[in-house]
Amino acid sequence: MKHFLIILFFWIAFPLQALEITVNPGKYSKYYHFQYELRPGHYEINKKYGFNAGGQFEVFVPKEYFPISAPNCNKNIIIRMPYSKKETTKKALYDKLLQNKSVTVTLEANPYVTVIQEKPVKLQLQYCNVFFRQRAGDYYDQL
C-alpha cells in the first residue's frame, strides 16, 4: 500500500503528458512539429552564440528533459532559431528566455529525424539538434 501511495503521489505531482506531434505535408516530405515547454532550470541560452543577424540563437536542453530520444547525443539537445529577415518575434522570445521564464515553444524535428512509428507518431533524433518552427520568414508559434 505504501508503494502505491508513493507512485500515486509522483503521478499526480509530475504527470506524464504524451507528446503531440503534428504531421504537416511539405513540398518534398512530411514535417513534424510539436510544442515543448522550456522550464526554468531545464534549459540554458547559448550566451557565447548570442542573438545574431537574422534572429539566430540557440537554446541548450539536457537530453534527459527532452521528449524525443536522441541516442547519438551525449549531453544537450540544441534548439536553433533559423535565419530570416524578420527578427522582432524572435528577439521577443529570446529576451523572455534570457529572463529564465517558462515558455512553450513550437519546434520542428526536421530534417534530422527518423520516424520510429507512424501511428501514433514516434520520432527519434539522428543528431543533437532541432529547430524552432519557421513559416513565412518568421518564427511560427503554432502547430
Protein backbone atom coordinates (compact mmCIF):
# COMPACT_ATOMS: atom_id res chain seq x y z
CA MET A 1 0.00 0.00 0.00
CA LYS A 2 2.85 2.37 0.85
CA HIS A 3 4.45 1.88 -2.58
CA PHE A 4 1.12 2.51 -4.27
CA LEU A 5 0.70 5.82 -2.42
CA ILE A 6 4.24 6.91 -3.38
CA ILE A 7 3.60 6.10 -7.03
CA LEU A 8 0.24 7.86 -6.91
CA PHE A 9 1.87 10.95 -5.37
CA PHE A 10 4.51 11.16 -8.11
CA TRP A 11 1.91 10.51 -10.81
CA ILE A 12 -0.19 13.43 -9.54
CA ALA A 13 2.76 15.74 -8.84
CA PHE A 14 4.58 15.05 -12.11
CA PRO A 15 2.05 13.90 -14.71
CA LEU A 16 3.44 12.44 -17.90
CA GLN A 17 1.99 14.03 -20.95
CA ALA A 18 2.05 12.30 -24.29
CA LEU A 19 3.92 14.31 -26.88
CA GLU A 20 1.51 15.54 -29.51
CA ILE A 21 3.28 15.57 -32.85
CA THR A 22 1.56 17.26 -35.77
CA VAL A 23 2.48 15.99 -39.22
CA ASN A 24 2.28 18.69 -41.87
CA PRO A 25 2.78 17.93 -45.56
CA GLY A 26 5.61 19.74 -47.28
CA LYS A 27 6.70 20.11 -50.86
CA TYR A 28 9.21 17.24 -50.63
CA SER A 29 8.48 15.48 -47.35
CA LYS A 30 6.40 15.50 -44.18
CA TYR A 31 7.24 17.98 -41.41
CA TYR A 32 7.00 17.01 -37.75
CA HIS A 33 6.00 19.82 -35.37
CA PHE A 34 5.39 19.73 -31.64
CA GLN A 35 5.12 22.08 -28.71
CA TYR A 36 7.56 21.92 -25.85
CA GLU A 37 7.68 23.79 -22.57
CA LEU A 38 11.07 25.26 -21.78
CA ARG A 39 11.12 25.34 -17.97
CA PRO A 40 13.47 27.29 -15.73
CA GLY A 41 16.43 25.12 -14.76
CA HIS A 42 15.79 22.78 -17.71
CA TYR A 43 17.29 24.97 -20.41
CA GLU A 44 20.13 27.40 -20.98
CA ILE A 45 20.65 30.08 -23.61
CA ASN A 46 23.93 29.76 -25.53
CA LYS A 47 25.24 33.16 -24.48
CA LYS A 48 28.51 32.69 -26.39
CA TYR A 49 26.48 32.49 -29.60
CA GLY A 50 24.11 35.28 -28.53
CA PHE A 51 21.42 36.82 -30.70
CA ASN A 52 22.79 37.10 -34.23
CA ALA A 53 21.81 38.69 -37.53
CA GLY A 54 18.66 37.14 -38.91
CA GLY A 55 17.43 36.40 -35.39
CA GLN A 56 19.56 33.31 -34.91
CA PHE A 57 20.14 31.96 -31.39
CA GLU A 58 20.49 28.62 -29.61
CA VAL A 59 18.97 27.03 -26.53
CA PHE A 60 20.53 24.01 -24.79
CA VAL A 61 18.24 21.41 -23.20
CA PRO A 62 19.78 18.45 -21.34
CA LYS A 63 18.72 15.40 -23.31
CA GLU A 64 17.07 13.78 -20.27
CA TYR A 65 14.48 16.60 -20.27
CA PHE A 66 13.72 16.45 -23.98
CA PRO A 67 10.65 14.44 -25.08
CA ILE A 68 12.25 12.82 -28.15
CA SER A 69 15.08 10.34 -27.75
CA ALA A 70 18.48 11.17 -29.24
CA PRO A 71 20.75 8.12 -28.81
CA ASN A 72 23.66 9.74 -30.71
CA CYS A 73 23.64 12.80 -28.46
CA ASN A 74 25.77 12.78 -25.31
CA LYS A 75 24.63 15.86 -23.39
CA ASN A 76 22.34 18.57 -24.78
CA ILE A 77 19.70 18.94 -27.44
CA ILE A 78 20.37 22.20 -29.26
CA ILE A 79 17.27 24.12 -30.28
CA ARG A 80 18.23 26.51 -33.07
CA MET A 81 16.40 29.53 -34.39
CA PRO A 82 16.91 29.68 -38.17
CA TYR A 83 17.94 32.80 -40.07
CA SER A 84 15.31 35.06 -41.60
CA LYS A 85 14.87 38.74 -42.35
CA LYS A 86 12.16 39.11 -39.69
CA GLU A 87 13.67 39.44 -36.20
CA THR A 88 11.05 41.13 -33.97
CA THR A 89 9.20 37.98 -32.84
CA LYS A 90 12.47 36.11 -32.41
CA LYS A 91 14.01 38.88 -30.31
CA ALA A 92 10.96 38.95 -28.01
CA LEU A 93 11.24 35.18 -27.48
CA TYR A 94 15.00 35.43 -26.90
CA ASP A 95 14.53 38.18 -24.29
CA LYS A 96 11.85 36.15 -22.49
CA LEU A 97 14.16 33.12 -22.40
CA LEU A 98 17.01 35.25 -21.04
CA GLN A 99 14.75 36.03 -18.08
CA ASN A 100 14.68 32.28 -17.40
CA LYS A 101 10.90 32.11 -17.70
CA SER A 102 8.75 29.12 -18.55
CA VAL A 103 7.90 29.36 -22.24
CA THR A 104 6.02 26.95 -24.51
CA VAL A 105 7.59 26.94 -27.96
CA THR A 106 6.80 25.23 -31.25
CA LEU A 107 9.58 23.09 -32.66
CA GLU A 108 10.30 21.29 -35.90
CA ALA A 109 12.09 17.96 -35.77
CA ASN A 110 13.13 18.01 -39.44
CA PRO A 111 15.47 17.38 -41.11
CA TYR A 112 17.44 15.24 -38.63
CA VAL A 113 14.72 12.87 -37.53
CA THR A 114 13.80 9.24 -38.01
CA VAL A 115 10.19 8.09 -37.84
CA ILE A 116 10.08 5.09 -35.50
CA GLN A 117 6.32 4.62 -35.66
CA GLU A 118 3.63 6.18 -37.88
CA LYS A 119 0.54 5.87 -35.63
CA PRO A 120 0.81 7.25 -33.06
CA VAL A 121 3.81 9.15 -34.35
CA LYS A 122 7.06 8.38 -32.53
CA LEU A 123 10.30 10.01 -33.55
CA GLN A 124 14.00 9.68 -32.82
CA LEU A 125 16.57 12.40 -33.41
CA GLN A 126 19.57 11.44 -35.52
CA TYR A 127 21.70 14.25 -34.08
CA CYS A 128 21.52 16.70 -31.20
CA ASN A 129 19.52 19.48 -32.82
CA VAL A 130 16.01 20.60 -33.66
CA PHE A 131 14.72 23.94 -34.91
CA PHE A 132 12.17 26.48 -33.84
CA ARG A 133 9.34 26.34 -36.36
CA GLN A 134 9.54 28.89 -39.18
CA ARG A 135 6.84 29.99 -41.59
CA ALA A 136 6.72 32.92 -44.00
CA GLY A 137 10.15 34.08 -42.87
CA ASP A 138 9.42 34.28 -39.13
CA TYR A 139 9.14 32.14 -36.01
CA TYR A 140 5.73 30.44 -36.13
CA ASP A 141 4.41 29.54 -32.69
CA GLN A 142 1.63 27.19 -33.77
CA LEU A 143 1.31 23.57 -34.79
